[in-house]
Amino acid sequence: MPEPLDPLTFLRVAQELARQRDEAALRTAIGRAYYALFLVARDKTGVTSTRAVHTEVIRAVRKRPGYRAVADQFDALRRLRVVADYQLLPDDPALRDWPSNWVKAQALINHILPKLQVW
């Protein structure tokens, strides 16, 4: 029987994409990076719902003692992913700089991932 895909594979793909530095690659990198962490968090929290699953996973992370800031950071990464995936011209002018957005995403990932890994 095949092994399940390691969600962190998506993070490695995101990092490779981000090296291209063009808007489409950076937007896609943000999305793949978010989903890597989302899948890890969903597994750690045991959330099985399919309705509002992103909200449910973040809520479950927030409920863990000492993880409120992690949940806030995870939600910030989710919002950045939403902009990357759905806003062709971001409503917030501050979010129109995709290299900067990738730097923000990386900083969030660097805070969130270690906490999820020691869950």
PDB file of N, CA and C in Angstrom:
ATOM      1  N   MET A   1       0.857  -1.187   0.000  1.00  0.00           N
ATOM      2  CA  MET A   1       0.000   0.000   0.000  1.00  0.00           C
ATOM      3  C   MET A   1       0.898   1.243   0.000  1.00  0.00           C
ATOM      4  N   PRO A   2       0.590   2.204  -0.838  1.00  0.00           N
ATOM      5  CA  PRO A   2       1.436   3.404  -0.905  1.00  0.00           C
ATOM      6  C   PRO A   2       1.310   4.255   0.351  1.00  0.00           C
ATOM      7  N   GLU A   3       2.395   4.957   0.652  1.00  0.00           N
ATOM      8  CA  GLU A   3       2.425   5.884   1.786  1.00  0.00           C
ATOM      9  C   GLU A   3       1.709   7.174   1.400  1.00  0.00           C
ATOM     10  N   PRO A   4       1.065   7.827   2.379  1.00  0.00           N
ATOM     11  CA  PRO A   4       0.452   9.126   2.057  1.00  0.00           C
ATOM     12  C   PRO A   4       1.529  10.173   1.769  1.00  0.00           C
ATOM     13  N   LEU A   5       1.156  11.138   0.981  1.00  0.00           N
ATOM     14  CA  LEU A   5       2.067  12.232   0.645  1.00  0.00           C
ATOM     15  C   LEU A   5       2.407  13.027   1.902  1.00  0.00           C
ATOM     16  N   ASP A   6       3.668  13.340   2.072  1.00  0.00           N
ATOM     17  CA  ASP A   6       4.100  14.214   3.156  1.00  0.00           C
ATOM     18  C   ASP A   6       3.683  15.639   2.777  1.00  0.00           C
ATOM     19  N   PRO A   7       2.825  16.294   3.567  1.00  0.00           N
ATOM     20  CA  PRO A   7       2.374  17.637   3.210  1.00  0.00           C
ATOM     21  C   PRO A   7       3.501  18.646   3.061  1.00  0.00           C
ATOM     22  N   LEU A   8       4.618  18.402   3.709  1.00  0.00           N
ATOM     23  CA  LEU A   8       5.734  19.339   3.606  1.00  0.00           C
ATOM     24  C   LEU A   8       6.368  19.316   2.220  1.00  0.00           C
ATOM     25  N   THR A   9       6.010  18.311   1.418  1.00  0.00           N
ATOM     26  CA  THR A   9       6.430  18.305   0.021  1.00  0.00           C
ATOM     27  C   THR A   9       5.892  19.551  -0.678  1.00  0.00           C
ATOM     28  N   PHE A  10       4.679  19.964  -0.335  1.00  0.00           N
ATOM     29  CA  PHE A  10       4.102  21.177  -0.913  1.00  0.00           C
ATOM     30  C   PHE A  10       4.920  22.411  -0.534  1.00  0.00           C
ATOM     31  N   LEU A  11       5.471  22.411   0.669  1.00  0.00           N
ATOM     32  CA  LEU A  11       6.297  23.543   1.100  1.00  0.00           C
ATOM     33  C   LEU A  11       7.583  23.602   0.273  1.00  0.00           C
ATOM     34  N   ARG A  12       8.167  22.453   0.023  1.00  0.00           N
ATOM     35  CA  ARG A  12       9.378  22.428  -0.812  1.00  0.00           C
ATOM     36  C   ARG A  12       9.073  22.913  -2.233  1.00  0.00           C
ATOM     37  N   VAL A  13       7.934  22.521  -2.776  1.00  0.00           N
ATOM     38  CA  VAL A  13       7.521  22.995  -4.099  1.00  0.00           C
ATOM     39  C   VAL A  13       7.325  24.512  -4.066  1.00  0.00           C
ATOM     40  N   ALA A  14       6.709  25.002  -3.007  1.00  0.00           N
ATOM     41  CA  ALA A  14       6.488  26.446  -2.861  1.00  0.00           C
ATOM     42  C   ALA A  14       7.820  27.198  -2.871  1.00  0.00           C
ATOM     43  N   GLN A  15       8.782  26.683  -2.135  1.00  0.00           N
ATOM     44  CA  GLN A  15      10.087  27.352  -2.066  1.00  0.00           C
ATOM     45  C   GLN A  15      10.778  27.352  -3.430  1.00  0.00           C
ATOM     46  N   GLU A  16      10.641  26.271  -4.174  1.00  0.00           N
ATOM     47  CA  GLU A  16      11.212  26.222  -5.526  1.00  0.00           C
ATOM     48  C   GLU A  16      10.520  27.232  -6.443  1.00  0.00           C
ATOM     49  N   LEU A  17       9.203  27.291  -6.365  1.00  0.00           N
ATOM     50  CA  LEU A  17       8.446  28.246  -7.183  1.00  0.00           C
ATOM     51  C   LEU A  17       8.839  29.683  -6.867  1.00  0.00           C
ATOM     52  N   ALA A  18       9.010  29.971  -5.601  1.00  0.00           N
ATOM     53  CA  ALA A  18       9.306  31.341  -5.175  1.00  0.00           C
ATOM     54  C   ALA A  18      10.632  31.844  -5.736  1.00  0.00           C
ATOM     55  N   ARG A  19      11.520  30.943  -6.078  1.00  0.00           N
ATOM     56  CA  ARG A  19      12.804  31.359  -6.659  1.00  0.00           C
ATOM     57  C   ARG A  19      12.615  32.025  -8.021  1.00  0.00           C
ATOM     58  N   GLN A  20      11.490  31.767  -8.672  1.00  0.00           N
ATOM     59  CA  GLN A  20      11.229  32.377  -9.980  1.00  0.00           C
ATOM     60  C   GLN A  20      10.946  33.872  -9.867  1.00  0.00           C
ATOM     61  N   ARG A  21      10.441  34.299  -8.728  1.00  0.00           N
ATOM     62  CA  ARG A  21      10.236  35.710  -8.384  1.00  0.00           C
ATOM     63  C   ARG A  21       9.168  36.440  -9.202  1.00  0.00           C
ATOM     64  N   ASP A  22       8.472  35.774 -10.117  1.00  0.00           N
ATOM     65  CA  ASP A  22       7.410  36.483 -10.830  1.00  0.00           C
ATOM     66  C   ASP A  22       6.108  36.349 -10.042  1.00  0.00           C
ATOM     67  N   GLU A  23       5.167  37.229 -10.317  1.00  0.00           N
ATOM     68  CA  GLU A  23       3.933  37.306  -9.533  1.00  0.00           C
ATOM     69  C   GLU A  23       3.180  35.982  -9.484  1.00  0.00           C
ATOM     70  N   ALA A  24       2.994  35.344 -10.628  1.00  0.00           N
ATOM     71  CA  ALA A  24       2.239  34.093 -10.653  1.00  0.00           C
ATOM     72  C   ALA A  24       2.920  33.020  -9.798  1.00  0.00           C
ATOM     73  N   ALA A  25       4.228  32.916  -9.913  1.00  0.00           N
ATOM     74  CA  ALA A  25       4.960  31.916  -9.128  1.00  0.00           C
ATOM     75  C   ALA A  25       4.880  32.223  -7.637  1.00  0.00           C
ATOM     76  N   LEU A  26       5.008  33.492  -7.265  1.00  0.00           N
ATOM     77  CA  LEU A  26       4.954  33.864  -5.847  1.00  0.00           C
ATOM     78  C   LEU A  26       3.556  33.647  -5.272  1.00  0.00           C
ATOM     79  N   ARG A  27       2.532  33.991  -6.036  1.00  0.00           N
ATOM     80  CA  ARG A  27       1.156  33.745  -5.574  1.00  0.00           C
ATOM     81  C   ARG A  27       0.925  32.244  -5.367  1.00  0.00           C
ATOM     82  N   THR A  28       1.377  31.452  -6.322  1.00  0.00           N
ATOM     83  CA  THR A  28       1.207  30.004  -6.226  1.00  0.00           C
ATOM     84  C   THR A  28       2.019  29.451  -5.060  1.00  0.00           C
ATOM     85  N   ALA A  29       3.209  29.977  -4.855  1.00  0.00           N
ATOM     86  CA  ALA A  29       4.053  29.541  -3.737  1.00  0.00           C
ATOM     87  C   ALA A  29       3.362  29.798  -2.401  1.00  0.00           C
ATOM     88  N   ILE A  30       2.746  30.954  -2.271  1.00  0.00           N
ATOM     89  CA  ILE A  30       2.031  31.273  -1.029  1.00  0.00           C
ATOM     90  C   ILE A  30       0.902  30.273  -0.806  1.00  0.00           C
ATOM     91  N   GLY A  31       0.178  29.960  -1.856  1.00  0.00           N
ATOM     92  CA  GLY A  31      -0.916  28.997  -1.736  1.00  0.00           C
ATOM     93  C   GLY A  31      -0.436  27.616  -1.343  1.00  0.00           C
ATOM     94  N   ARG A  32       0.613  27.132  -2.001  1.00  0.00           N
ATOM     95  CA  ARG A  32       1.138  25.795  -1.688  1.00  0.00           C
ATOM     96  C   ARG A  32       1.722  25.757  -0.280  1.00  0.00           C
ATOM     97  N   ALA A  33       2.397  26.824   0.129  1.00  0.00           N
ATOM     98  CA  ALA A  33       2.965  26.870   1.482  1.00  0.00           C
ATOM     99  C   ALA A  33       1.855  26.830   2.523  1.00  0.00           C
ATOM    100  N   TYR A  34       0.804  27.612   2.295  1.00  0.00           N
ATOM    101  CA  TYR A  34      -0.329  27.596   3.221  1.00  0.00           C
ATOM    102  C   TYR A  34      -0.901  26.185   3.324  1.00  0.00           C
ATOM    103  N   TYR A  35      -1.134  25.549   2.178  1.00  0.00           N
ATOM    104  CA  TYR A  35      -1.746  24.225   2.209  1.00  0.00           C
ATOM    105  C   TYR A  35      -0.842  23.190   2.874  1.00  0.00           C
ATOM    106  N   ALA A  36       0.452  23.336   2.755  1.00  0.00           N
ATOM    107  CA  ALA A  36       1.358  22.433   3.464  1.00  0.00           C
ATOM    108  C   ALA A  36       1.106  22.511   4.965  1.00  0.00           C
ATOM    109  N   LEU A  37       1.074  23.733   5.493  1.00  0.00           N
ATOM    110  CA  LEU A  37       0.850  23.915   6.920  1.00  0.00           C
ATOM    111  C   LEU A  37      -0.572  23.543   7.320  1.00  0.00           C
ATOM    112  N   PHE A  38      -1.520  23.872   6.471  1.00  0.00           N
ATOM    113  CA  PHE A  38      -2.914  23.518   6.745  1.00  0.00           C
ATOM    114  C   PHE A  38      -3.063  22.002   6.900  1.00  0.00           C
ATOM    115  N   LEU A  39      -2.466  21.241   5.991  1.00  0.00           N
ATOM    116  CA  LEU A  39      -2.587  19.781   6.061  1.00  0.00           C
ATOM    117  C   LEU A  39      -1.920  19.214   7.308  1.00  0.00           C
ATOM    118  N   VAL A  40      -0.776  19.780   7.690  1.00  0.00           N
ATOM    119  CA  VAL A  40      -0.111  19.355   8.926  1.00  0.00           C
ATOM    120  C   VAL A  40      -1.020  19.670  10.118  1.00  0.00           C
ATOM    121  N   ALA A  41      -1.556  20.875  10.157  1.00  0.00           N
ATOM    122  CA  ALA A  41      -2.412  21.297  11.274  1.00  0.00           C
ATOM    123  C   ALA A  41      -3.696  20.481  11.326  1.00  0.00           C
ATOM    124  N   ARG A  42      -4.283  20.214  10.181  1.00  0.00           N
ATOM    125  CA  ARG A  42      -5.514  19.406  10.163  1.00  0.00           C
ATOM    126  C   ARG A  42      -5.249  18.031  10.742  1.00  0.00           C
ATOM    127  N   ASP A  43      -4.104  17.447  10.393  1.00  0.00           N
ATOM    128  CA  ASP A  43      -3.743  16.132  10.927  1.00  0.00           C
ATOM    129  C   ASP A  43      -3.511  16.203  12.433  1.00  0.00           C
ATOM    130  N   LYS A  44      -2.786  17.226  12.877  1.00  0.00           N
ATOM    131  CA  LYS A  44      -2.461  17.359  14.306  1.00  0.00           C
ATOM    132  C   LYS A  44      -3.717  17.614  15.143  1.00  0.00           C
ATOM    133  N   THR A  45      -4.651  18.402  14.606  1.00  0.00           N
ATOM    134  CA  THR A  45      -5.843  18.751  15.382  1.00  0.00           C
ATOM    135  C   THR A  45      -6.922  17.679  15.313  1.00  0.00           C
ATOM    136  N   GLY A  46      -6.837  16.808  14.318  1.00  0.00           N
ATOM    137  CA  GLY A  46      -7.846  15.768  14.165  1.00  0.00           C
ATOM    138  C   GLY A  46      -9.153  16.269  13.578  1.00  0.00           C
ATOM    139  N   VAL A  47      -9.156  17.459  13.011  1.00  0.00           N
ATOM    140  CA  VAL A  47     -10.373  17.997  12.390  1.00  0.00           C
ATOM    141  C   VAL A  47     -10.700  17.150  11.164  1.00  0.00           C
ATOM    142  N   THR A  48     -11.939  16.667  11.111  1.00  0.00           N
ATOM    143  CA  THR A  48     -12.360  15.838   9.978  1.00  0.00           C
ATOM    144  C   THR A  48     -13.493  16.478   9.187  1.00  0.00           C
ATOM    145  N   SER A  49     -14.024  17.563   9.691  1.00  0.00           N
ATOM    146  CA  SER A  49     -15.122  18.233   9.011  1.00  0.00           C
ATOM    147  C   SER A  49     -14.657  18.740   7.663  1.00  0.00           C
ATOM    148  N   THR A  50     -15.582  18.837   6.734  1.00  0.00           N
ATOM    149  CA  THR A  50     -15.253  19.405   5.435  1.00  0.00           C
ATOM    150  C   THR A  50     -15.923  20.766   5.265  1.00  0.00           C
ATOM    151  N   ARG A  51     -16.791  21.102   6.170  1.00  0.00           N
ATOM    152  CA  ARG A  51     -17.478  22.392   6.129  1.00  0.00           C
ATOM    153  C   ARG A  51     -16.677  23.401   6.953  1.00  0.00           C
ATOM    154  N   ALA A  52     -16.332  24.505   6.337  1.00  0.00           N
ATOM    155  CA  ALA A  52     -15.549  25.561   7.003  1.00  0.00           C
ATOM    156  C   ALA A  52     -14.290  24.978   7.646  1.00  0.00           C
ATOM    157  N   VAL A  53     -13.663  24.044   6.934  1.00  0.00           N
ATOM    158  CA  VAL A  53     -12.549  23.291   7.509  1.00  0.00           C
ATOM    159  C   VAL A  53     -11.361  24.190   7.867  1.00  0.00           C
ATOM    160  N   HIS A  54     -11.115  25.218   7.088  1.00  0.00           N
ATOM    161  CA  HIS A  54      -9.974  26.093   7.396  1.00  0.00           C
ATOM    162  C   HIS A  54     -10.212  26.826   8.717  1.00  0.00           C
ATOM    163  N   THR A  55     -11.425  27.313   8.887  1.00  0.00           N
ATOM    164  CA  THR A  55     -11.797  27.982  10.138  1.00  0.00           C
ATOM    165  C   THR A  55     -11.739  27.003  11.299  1.00  0.00           C
ATOM    166  N   GLU A  56     -12.225  25.795  11.078  1.00  0.00           N
ATOM    167  CA  GLU A  56     -12.233  24.785  12.149  1.00  0.00           C
ATOM    168  C   GLU A  56     -10.818  24.406  12.581  1.00  0.00           C
ATOM    169  N   VAL A  57      -9.917  24.274  11.631  1.00  0.00           N
ATOM    170  CA  VAL A  57      -8.533  23.922  11.971  1.00  0.00           C
ATOM    171  C   VAL A  57      -7.894  25.052  12.771  1.00  0.00           C
ATOM    172  N   ILE A  58      -8.074  26.286  12.326  1.00  0.00           N
ATOM    173  CA  ILE A  58      -7.497  27.420  13.053  1.00  0.00           C
ATOM    174  C   ILE A  58      -8.112  27.516  14.449  1.00  0.00           C
ATOM    175  N   ARG A  59      -9.399  27.293  14.549  1.00  0.00           N
ATOM    176  CA  ARG A  59     -10.070  27.311  15.854  1.00  0.00           C
ATOM    177  C   ARG A  59      -9.489  26.221  16.761  1.00  0.00           C
ATOM    178  N   ALA A  60      -9.245  25.040  16.222  1.00  0.00           N
ATOM    179  CA  ALA A  60      -8.685  23.941  17.018  1.00  0.00           C
ATOM    180  C   ALA A  60      -7.257  24.264  17.469  1.00  0.00           C
ATOM    181  N   VAL A  61      -6.475  24.901  16.610  1.00  0.00           N
ATOM    182  CA  VAL A  61      -5.128  25.316  16.996  1.00  0.00           C
ATOM    183  C   VAL A  61      -5.222  26.329  18.131  1.00  0.00           C
ATOM    184  N   ARG A  62      -6.143  27.291  18.018  1.00  0.00           N
ATOM    185  CA  ARG A  62      -6.313  28.340  19.028  1.00  0.00           C
ATOM    186  C   ARG A  62      -6.679  27.744  20.392  1.00  0.00           C
ATOM    187  N   LYS A  63      -7.416  26.644  20.405  1.00  0.00           N
ATOM    188  CA  LYS A  63      -7.851  26.027  21.673  1.00  0.00           C
ATOM    189  C   LYS A  63      -6.708  25.356  22.425  1.00  0.00           C
ATOM    190  N   ARG A  64      -5.648  25.022  21.727  1.00  0.00           N
ATOM    191  CA  ARG A  64      -4.523  24.358  22.401  1.00  0.00           C
ATOM    192  C   ARG A  64      -3.819  25.374  23.303  1.00  0.00           C
ATOM    193  N   PRO A  65      -3.588  25.024  24.565  1.00  0.00           N
ATOM    194  CA  PRO A  65      -2.923  25.955  25.480  1.00  0.00           C
ATOM    195  C   PRO A  65      -1.588  26.442  24.925  1.00  0.00           C
ATOM    196  N   GLY A  66      -1.408  27.763  24.936  1.00  0.00           N
ATOM    197  CA  GLY A  66      -0.177  28.366  24.463  1.00  0.00           C
ATOM    198  C   GLY A  66      -0.096  28.545  22.950  1.00  0.00           C
ATOM    199  N   TYR A  67      -1.161  28.251  22.233  1.00  0.00           N
ATOM    200  CA  TYR A  67      -1.131  28.305  20.768  1.00  0.00           C
ATOM    201  C   TYR A  67      -1.978  29.429  20.177  1.00  0.00           C
ATOM    202  N   ARG A  68      -2.433  30.334  20.996  1.00  0.00           N
ATOM    203  CA  ARG A  68      -3.257  31.436  20.477  1.00  0.00           C
ATOM    204  C   ARG A  68      -2.503  32.261  19.424  1.00  0.00           C
ATOM    205  N   ALA A  69      -1.250  32.610  19.713  1.00  0.00           N
ATOM    206  CA  ALA A  69      -0.454  33.392  18.757  1.00  0.00           C
ATOM    207  C   ALA A  69      -0.200  32.591  17.480  1.00  0.00           C
ATOM    208  N   VAL A  70       0.011  31.296  17.621  1.00  0.00           N
ATOM    209  CA  VAL A  70       0.209  30.437  16.448  1.00  0.00           C
ATOM    210  C   VAL A  70      -1.042  30.460  15.580  1.00  0.00           C
ATOM    211  N   ALA A  71      -2.203  30.372  16.202  1.00  0.00           N
ATOM    212  CA  ALA A  71      -3.463  30.407  15.454  1.00  0.00           C
ATOM    213  C   ALA A  71      -3.629  31.752  14.749  1.00  0.00           C
ATOM    214  N   ASP A  72      -3.268  32.835  15.427  1.00  0.00           N
ATOM    215  CA  ASP A  72      -3.356  34.164  14.806  1.00  0.00           C
ATOM    216  C   ASP A  72      -2.429  34.259  13.595  1.00  0.00           C
ATOM    217  N   GLN A  73      -1.234  33.724  13.732  1.00  0.00           N
ATOM    218  CA  GLN A  73      -0.281  33.739  12.617  1.00  0.00           C
ATOM    219  C   GLN A  73      -0.774  32.856  11.473  1.00  0.00           C
ATOM    220  N   PHE A  74      -1.345  31.720  11.826  1.00  0.00           N
ATOM    221  CA  PHE A  74      -1.888  30.801  10.827  1.00  0.00           C
ATOM    222  C   PHE A  74      -3.036  31.477  10.077  1.00  0.00           C
ATOM    223  N   ASP A  75      -3.866  32.209  10.795  1.00  0.00           N
ATOM    224  CA  ASP A  75      -4.963  32.927  10.154  1.00  0.00           C
ATOM    225  C   ASP A  75      -4.426  34.038   9.242  1.00  0.00           C
ATOM    226  N   ALA A  76      -3.345  34.687   9.638  1.00  0.00           N
ATOM    227  CA  ALA A  76      -2.728  35.710   8.787  1.00  0.00           C
ATOM    228  C   ALA A  76      -2.195  35.076   7.498  1.00  0.00           C
ATOM    229  N   LEU A  77      -1.614  33.894   7.603  1.00  0.00           N
ATOM    230  CA  LEU A  77      -1.136  33.185   6.420  1.00  0.00           C
ATOM    231  C   LEU A  77      -2.320  32.779   5.533  1.00  0.00           C
ATOM    232  N   ARG A  78      -3.407  32.358   6.151  1.00  0.00           N
ATOM    233  CA  ARG A  78      -4.619  32.002   5.392  1.00  0.00           C
ATOM    234  C   ARG A  78      -5.128  33.213   4.617  1.00  0.00           C
ATOM    235  N   ARG A  79      -5.168  34.363   5.265  1.00  0.00           N
ATOM    236  CA  ARG A  79      -5.651  35.579   4.593  1.00  0.00           C
ATOM    237  C   ARG A  79      -4.740  35.962   3.429  1.00  0.00           C
ATOM    238  N   LEU A  80      -3.451  35.787   3.603  1.00  0.00           N
ATOM    239  CA  LEU A  80      -2.509  36.067   2.523  1.00  0.00           C
ATOM    240  C   LEU A  80      -2.748  35.106   1.357  1.00  0.00           C
ATOM    241  N   ARG A  81      -3.034  33.861   1.670  1.00  0.00           N
ATOM    242  CA  ARG A  81      -3.356  32.864   0.633  1.00  0.00           C
ATOM    243  C   ARG A  81      -4.631  33.243  -0.108  1.00  0.00           C
ATOM    244  N   VAL A  82      -5.626  33.738   0.598  1.00  0.00           N
ATOM    245  CA  VAL A  82      -6.877  34.156  -0.036  1.00  0.00           C
ATOM    246  C   VAL A  82      -6.614  35.294  -1.019  1.00  0.00           C
ATOM    247  N   VAL A  83      -5.808  36.261  -0.620  1.00  0.00           N
ATOM    248  CA  VAL A  83      -5.455  37.361  -1.529  1.00  0.00           C
ATOM    249  C   VAL A  83      -4.732  36.800  -2.750  1.00  0.00           C
ATOM    250  N   ALA A  84      -3.777  35.911  -2.516  1.00  0.00           N
ATOM    251  CA  ALA A  84      -2.993  35.341  -3.617  1.00  0.00           C
ATOM    252  C   ALA A  84      -3.874  34.569  -4.598  1.00  0.00           C
ATOM    253  N   ASP A  85      -4.851  33.854  -4.083  1.00  0.00           N
ATOM    254  CA  ASP A  85      -5.687  33.002  -4.932  1.00  0.00           C
ATOM    255  C   ASP A  85      -6.875  33.714  -5.571  1.00  0.00           C
ATOM    256  N   TYR A  86      -7.409  34.744  -4.914  1.00  0.00           N
ATOM    257  CA  TYR A  86      -8.694  35.279  -5.365  1.00  0.00           C
ATOM    258  C   TYR A  86      -8.709  36.737  -5.797  1.00  0.00           C
ATOM    259  N   GLN A  87      -7.707  37.503  -5.435  1.00  0.00           N
ATOM    260  CA  GLN A  87      -7.726  38.930  -5.786  1.00  0.00           C
ATOM    261  C   GLN A  87      -6.699  39.213  -6.889  1.00  0.00           C
ATOM    262  N   LEU A  88      -7.191  39.379  -8.095  1.00  0.00           N
ATOM    263  CA  LEU A  88      -6.282  39.633  -9.214  1.00  0.00           C
ATOM    264  C   LEU A  88      -5.524  40.939  -9.020  1.00  0.00           C
ATOM    265  N   LEU A  89      -6.183  41.906  -8.424  1.00  0.00           N
ATOM    266  CA  LEU A  89      -5.538  43.145  -7.985  1.00  0.00           C
ATOM    267  C   LEU A  89      -5.941  43.300  -6.518  1.00  0.00           C
ATOM    268  N   PRO A  90      -5.019  43.021  -5.602  1.00  0.00           N
ATOM    269  CA  PRO A  90      -5.383  43.068  -4.179  1.00  0.00           C
ATOM    270  C   PRO A  90      -6.033  44.391  -3.786  1.00  0.00           C
ATOM    271  N   ASP A  91      -7.108  44.276  -3.014  1.00  0.00           N
ATOM    272  CA  ASP A  91      -7.832  45.451  -2.516  1.00  0.00           C
ATOM    273  C   ASP A  91      -6.914  46.352  -1.700  1.00  0.00           C
ATOM    274  N   ASP A  92      -6.068  45.754  -0.889  1.00  0.00           N
ATOM    275  CA  ASP A  92      -5.138  46.492  -0.038  1.00  0.00           C
ATOM    276  C   ASP A  92      -3.859  46.764  -0.830  1.00  0.00           C
ATOM    277  N   PRO A  93      -3.557  48.023  -1.137  1.00  0.00           N
ATOM    278  CA  PRO A  93      -2.344  48.333  -1.907  1.00  0.00           C
ATOM    279  C   PRO A  93      -1.059  47.787  -1.272  1.00  0.00           C
ATOM    280  N   ALA A  94      -1.060  47.641   0.033  1.00  0.00           N
ATOM    281  CA  ALA A  94       0.125  47.111   0.717  1.00  0.00           C
ATOM    282  C   ALA A  94       0.380  45.646   0.354  1.00  0.00           C
ATOM    283  N   LEU A  95      -0.630  44.963  -0.188  1.00  0.00           N
ATOM    284  CA  LEU A  95      -0.488  43.548  -0.537  1.00  0.00           C
ATOM    285  C   LEU A  95      -0.267  43.325  -2.030  1.00  0.00           C
ATOM    286  N   ARG A  96       0.146  44.350  -2.731  1.00  0.00           N
ATOM    287  CA  ARG A  96       0.382  44.234  -4.176  1.00  0.00           C
ATOM    288  C   ARG A  96       1.845  43.935  -4.514  1.00  0.00           C
ATOM    289  N   ASP A  97       2.680  43.878  -3.505  1.00  0.00           N
ATOM    290  CA  ASP A  97       4.108  43.604  -3.690  1.00  0.00           C
ATOM    291  C   ASP A  97       4.337  42.122  -3.375  1.00  0.00           C
ATOM    292  N   TRP A  98       4.405  41.304  -4.426  1.00  0.00           N
ATOM    293  CA  TRP A  98       4.454  39.858  -4.213  1.00  0.00           C
ATOM    294  C   TRP A  98       5.770  39.358  -3.629  1.00  0.00           C
ATOM    295  N   PRO A  99       6.916  39.923  -3.978  1.00  0.00           N
ATOM    296  CA  PRO A  99       8.121  39.489  -3.260  1.00  0.00           C
ATOM    297  C   PRO A  99       8.012  39.763  -1.749  1.00  0.00           C
ATOM    298  N   SER A 100       7.443  40.901  -1.397  1.00  0.00           N
ATOM    299  CA  SER A 100       7.245  41.230   0.012  1.00  0.00           C
ATOM    300  C   SER A 100       6.235  40.273   0.661  1.00  0.00           C
ATOM    301  N   ASN A 101       5.188  39.936  -0.065  1.00  0.00           N
ATOM    302  CA  ASN A 101       4.191  38.995   0.458  1.00  0.00           C
ATOM    303  C   ASN A 101       4.818  37.628   0.719  1.00  0.00           C
ATOM    304  N   TRP A 102       5.713  37.207  -0.163  1.00  0.00           N
ATOM    305  CA  TRP A 102       6.386  35.923   0.043  1.00  0.00           C
ATOM    306  C   TRP A 102       7.276  35.988   1.286  1.00  0.00           C
ATOM    307  N   VAL A 103       7.950  37.094   1.501  1.00  0.00           N
ATOM    308  CA  VAL A 103       8.773  37.261   2.706  1.00  0.00           C
ATOM    309  C   VAL A 103       7.884  37.173   3.952  1.00  0.00           C
ATOM    310  N   LYS A 104       6.717  37.826   3.912  1.00  0.00           N
ATOM    311  CA  LYS A 104       5.772  37.745   5.035  1.00  0.00           C
ATOM    312  C   LYS A 104       5.331  36.300   5.254  1.00  0.00           C
ATOM    313  N   ALA A 105       5.006  35.614   4.166  1.00  0.00           N
ATOM    314  CA  ALA A 105       4.565  34.220   4.274  1.00  0.00           C
ATOM    315  C   ALA A 105       5.659  33.360   4.887  1.00  0.00           C
ATOM    316  N   GLN A 106       6.893  33.540   4.437  1.00  0.00           N
ATOM    317  CA  GLN A 106       8.005  32.763   4.989  1.00  0.00           C
ATOM    318  C   GLN A 106       8.187  33.015   6.483  1.00  0.00           C
ATOM    319  N   ALA A 107       8.060  34.266   6.900  1.00  0.00           N
ATOM    320  CA  ALA A 107       8.200  34.584   8.323  1.00  0.00           C
ATOM    321  C   ALA A 107       7.105  33.887   9.134  1.00  0.00           C
ATOM    322  N   LEU A 108       5.889  33.904   8.618  1.00  0.00           N
ATOM    323  CA  LEU A 108       4.789  33.226   9.308  1.00  0.00           C
ATOM    324  C   LEU A 108       5.045  31.722   9.369  1.00  0.00           C
ATOM    325  N   ILE A 109       5.464  31.159   8.264  1.00  0.00           N
ATOM    326  CA  ILE A 109       5.754  29.716   8.208  1.00  0.00           C
ATOM    327  C   ILE A 109       6.838  29.362   9.219  1.00  0.00           C
ATOM    328  N   ASN A 110       7.870  30.181   9.289  1.00  0.00           N
ATOM    329  CA  ASN A 110       8.985  29.906  10.206  1.00  0.00           C
ATOM    330  C   ASN A 110       8.557  29.946  11.671  1.00  0.00           C
ATOM    331  N   HIS A 111       7.486  30.658  11.991  1.00  0.00           N
ATOM    332  CA  HIS A 111       6.960  30.674  13.360  1.00  0.00           C
ATOM    333  C   HIS A 111       5.984  29.530  13.602  1.00  0.00           C
ATOM    334  N   ILE A 112       5.154  29.249  12.598  1.00  0.00           N
ATOM    335  CA  ILE A 112       4.074  28.271  12.769  1.00  0.00           C
ATOM    336  C   ILE A 112       4.565  26.834  12.719  1.00  0.00           C
ATOM    337  N   LEU A 113       5.354  26.500  11.701  1.00  0.00           N
ATOM    338  CA  LEU A 113       5.721  25.106  11.461  1.00  0.00           C
ATOM    339  C   LEU A 113       6.402  24.435  12.654  1.00  0.00           C
ATOM    340  N   PRO A 114       7.389  25.064  13.281  1.00  0.00           N
ATOM    341  CA  PRO A 114       8.008  24.387  14.433  1.00  0.00           C
ATOM    342  C   PRO A 114       7.009  24.071  15.549  1.00  0.00           C
ATOM    343  N   LYS A 115       6.046  24.952  15.754  1.00  0.00           N
ATOM    344  CA  LYS A 115       5.031  24.710  16.796  1.00  0.00           C
ATOM    345  C   LYS A 115       4.141  23.535  16.420  1.00  0.00           C
ATOM    346  N   LEU A 116       3.801  23.448  15.133  1.00  0.00           N
ATOM    347  CA  LEU A 116       2.966  22.307  14.699  1.00  0.00           C
ATOM    348  C   LEU A 116       3.739  20.994  14.789  1.00  0.00           C
ATOM    349  N   GLN A 117       5.014  21.059  14.525  1.00  0.00           N
ATOM    350  CA  GLN A 117       5.814  19.828  14.527  1.00  0.00           C
ATOM    351  C   GLN A 117       6.025  19.261  15.932  1.00  0.00           C
ATOM    352  N   VAL A 118       5.934  20.105  16.974  1.00  0.00           N
ATOM    353  CA  VAL A 118       6.100  19.597  18.333  1.00  0.00           C
ATOM    354  C   VAL A 118       4.757  19.380  19.022  1.00  0.00           C
ATOM    355  N   TRP A 119       3.693  19.537  18.314  1.00  0.00           N
ATOM    356  CA  TRP A 119       2.322  19.386  18.817  1.00  0.00           C
ATOM    357  C   TRP A 119       2.210  18.126  19.549  1.00  0.00           C
TER     358      TRP A 119
END
